[in-house]
Amino acid sequence: MSWEPVYRLVKRIPRGRVTTYGTLAKALRLAGGARAVGYAMAACPNGRGIPWHRVVGAGGRLTIPEPHGSLQRRLLEAEGIKIGDARRID
């Protein structure tokens, strides 16, 4: 399966904003839902300008494990997004 439709939609997320895996899945009517978007993001190619860090879990939770979890947090904070103690977007 090609993840290009997911990547095209993720590229449209504005700087300083986030969306959830579930929202992307619903918008694309993906079989497998949020989990399918998670697989797509895990397979995200480098060097294509896909802002993978702007995709978060339900309720604004940061769900990416380390070492990429810290990178996601730093990238989001650099865009002005506030992250609470419970690894949730405020």
C-alpha atoms as a PDB file:
ATOM      1  CA  MET A   1       0.000   0.000   0.000  1.00  0.00           C
ATOM      2  CA  SER A   2       1.193   3.499  -0.807  1.00  0.00           C
ATOM      3  CA  TRP A   3       1.192   5.953   2.076  1.00  0.00           C
ATOM      4  CA  GLU A   4       1.406   8.964  -0.246  1.00  0.00           C
ATOM      5  CA  PRO A   5      -2.143  10.194   0.532  1.00  0.00           C
ATOM      6  CA  VAL A   6      -1.256  10.247   4.234  1.00  0.00           C
ATOM      7  CA  TYR A   7       1.988  12.115   3.587  1.00  0.00           C
ATOM      8  CA  ARG A   8       0.254  14.678   1.349  1.00  0.00           C
ATOM      9  CA  LEU A   9      -2.269  15.427   4.081  1.00  0.00           C
ATOM     10  CA  VAL A  10       0.393  15.615   6.816  1.00  0.00           C
ATOM     11  CA  LYS A  11       2.322  18.152   4.715  1.00  0.00           C
ATOM     12  CA  ARG A  12      -0.745  20.419   4.916  1.00  0.00           C
ATOM     13  CA  ILE A  13      -0.666  20.655   8.736  1.00  0.00           C
ATOM     14  CA  PRO A  14       0.393  24.244   9.460  1.00  0.00           C
ATOM     15  CA  ARG A  15       3.426  25.058  11.571  1.00  0.00           C
ATOM     16  CA  GLY A  16       2.418  25.363  15.233  1.00  0.00           C
ATOM     17  CA  ARG A  17      -0.590  23.057  14.827  1.00  0.00           C
ATOM     18  CA  VAL A  18      -1.109  19.325  15.328  1.00  0.00           C
ATOM     19  CA  THR A  19      -3.640  16.701  14.355  1.00  0.00           C
ATOM     20  CA  THR A  20      -4.300  13.167  15.537  1.00  0.00           C
ATOM     21  CA  TYR A  21      -3.782   9.829  13.877  1.00  0.00           C
ATOM     22  CA  GLY A  22      -7.537   9.256  14.084  1.00  0.00           C
ATOM     23  CA  THR A  23      -8.415  12.559  12.434  1.00  0.00           C
ATOM     24  CA  LEU A  24      -6.128  11.782   9.508  1.00  0.00           C
ATOM     25  CA  ALA A  25      -7.580   8.282   9.186  1.00  0.00           C
ATOM     26  CA  LYS A  26     -11.118   9.635   9.175  1.00  0.00           C
ATOM     27  CA  ALA A  27     -10.280  12.306   6.597  1.00  0.00           C
ATOM     28  CA  LEU A  28      -8.735   9.690   4.309  1.00  0.00           C
ATOM     29  CA  ARG A  29     -11.301   6.971   5.107  1.00  0.00           C
ATOM     30  CA  LEU A  30      -8.463   4.567   5.803  1.00  0.00           C
ATOM     31  CA  ALA A  31      -9.248   0.967   6.590  1.00  0.00           C
ATOM     32  CA  GLY A  32      -7.454   0.232   9.833  1.00  0.00           C
ATOM     33  CA  GLY A  33      -8.077   3.731  11.153  1.00  0.00           C
ATOM     34  CA  ALA A  34      -5.579   5.473  13.394  1.00  0.00           C
ATOM     35  CA  ARG A  35      -3.361   2.405  13.535  1.00  0.00           C
ATOM     36  CA  ALA A  36      -2.908   2.528   9.740  1.00  0.00           C
ATOM     37  CA  VAL A  37      -1.827   6.169   9.980  1.00  0.00           C
ATOM     38  CA  GLY A  38       0.606   5.129  12.710  1.00  0.00           C
ATOM     39  CA  TYR A  39       2.142   2.568  10.369  1.00  0.00           C
ATOM     40  CA  ALA A  40       2.417   5.226   7.667  1.00  0.00           C
ATOM     41  CA  MET A  41       4.126   7.646  10.017  1.00  0.00           C
ATOM     42  CA  ALA A  42       6.510   4.935  11.227  1.00  0.00           C
ATOM     43  CA  ALA A  43       7.483   4.371   7.588  1.00  0.00           C
ATOM     44  CA  CYS A  44       7.827   8.099   6.897  1.00  0.00           C
ATOM     45  CA  PRO A  45      10.771   8.687   4.554  1.00  0.00           C
ATOM     46  CA  ASN A  46      13.494  11.148   5.496  1.00  0.00           C
ATOM     47  CA  GLY A  47      14.259  14.208   3.423  1.00  0.00           C
ATOM     48  CA  ARG A  48      10.803  14.730   1.957  1.00  0.00           C
ATOM     49  CA  GLY A  49       9.635  17.553   4.206  1.00  0.00           C
ATOM     50  CA  ILE A  50       6.926  15.528   5.906  1.00  0.00           C
ATOM     51  CA  PRO A  51       6.270  17.087   9.344  1.00  0.00           C
ATOM     52  CA  TRP A  52       5.717  13.752  11.125  1.00  0.00           C
ATOM     53  CA  HIS A  53       6.109  15.437  14.495  1.00  0.00           C
ATOM     54  CA  ARG A  54       2.768  17.248  14.063  1.00  0.00           C
ATOM     55  CA  VAL A  55       0.789  13.996  14.297  1.00  0.00           C
ATOM     56  CA  VAL A  56      -0.133  13.019  17.867  1.00  0.00           C
ATOM     57  CA  GLY A  57      -2.289  10.478  19.639  1.00  0.00           C
ATOM     58  CA  ALA A  58      -5.886  10.879  20.777  1.00  0.00           C
ATOM     59  CA  GLY A  59      -6.385  13.633  23.314  1.00  0.00           C
ATOM     60  CA  GLY A  60      -3.160  15.337  22.242  1.00  0.00           C
ATOM     61  CA  ARG A  61      -0.907  12.648  23.722  1.00  0.00           C
ATOM     62  CA  LEU A  62       2.655  12.257  22.497  1.00  0.00           C
ATOM     63  CA  THR A  63       2.863   8.535  21.831  1.00  0.00           C
ATOM     64  CA  ILE A  64       6.141   8.124  19.946  1.00  0.00           C
ATOM     65  CA  PRO A  65       8.682   6.130  21.997  1.00  0.00           C
ATOM     66  CA  GLU A  66      12.264   7.221  22.584  1.00  0.00           C
ATOM     67  CA  PRO A  67      14.565   8.260  21.047  1.00  0.00           C
ATOM     68  CA  HIS A  68      12.170   9.932  18.586  1.00  0.00           C
ATOM     69  CA  GLY A  69       9.764  11.020  21.332  1.00  0.00           C
ATOM     70  CA  SER A  70      12.228  13.611  22.643  1.00  0.00           C
ATOM     71  CA  LEU A  71      12.847  14.873  19.119  1.00  0.00           C
ATOM     72  CA  GLN A  72       9.106  15.231  18.532  1.00  0.00           C
ATOM     73  CA  ARG A  73       8.748  17.212  21.746  1.00  0.00           C
ATOM     74  CA  ARG A  74      11.632  19.552  20.846  1.00  0.00           C
ATOM     75  CA  LEU A  75      10.298  20.137  17.324  1.00  0.00           C
ATOM     76  CA  LEU A  76       6.798  20.912  18.595  1.00  0.00           C
ATOM     77  CA  GLU A  77       8.082  23.241  21.308  1.00  0.00           C
ATOM     78  CA  ALA A  78      10.218  25.038  18.692  1.00  0.00           C
ATOM     79  CA  GLU A  79       6.964  25.721  16.821  1.00  0.00           C
ATOM     80  CA  GLY A  80       5.429  27.255  19.943  1.00  0.00           C
ATOM     81  CA  ILE A  81       3.296  24.295  21.002  1.00  0.00           C
ATOM     82  CA  LYS A  82       2.969  23.923  24.775  1.00  0.00           C
ATOM     83  CA  ILE A  83       3.336  20.398  26.136  1.00  0.00           C
ATOM     84  CA  GLY A  84       2.216  19.535  29.650  1.00  0.00           C
ATOM     85  CA  ASP A  85       3.834  17.214  32.175  1.00  0.00           C
ATOM     86  CA  ALA A  86       1.740  14.238  31.082  1.00  0.00           C
ATOM     87  CA  ARG A  87       3.149  14.464  27.543  1.00  0.00           C
ATOM     88  CA  ARG A  88      -0.062  16.091  26.318  1.00  0.00           C
ATOM     89  CA  ILE A  89      -0.535  19.105  24.110  1.00  0.00           C
ATOM     90  CA  ASP A  90      -2.100  21.938  26.120  1.00  0.00           C
END
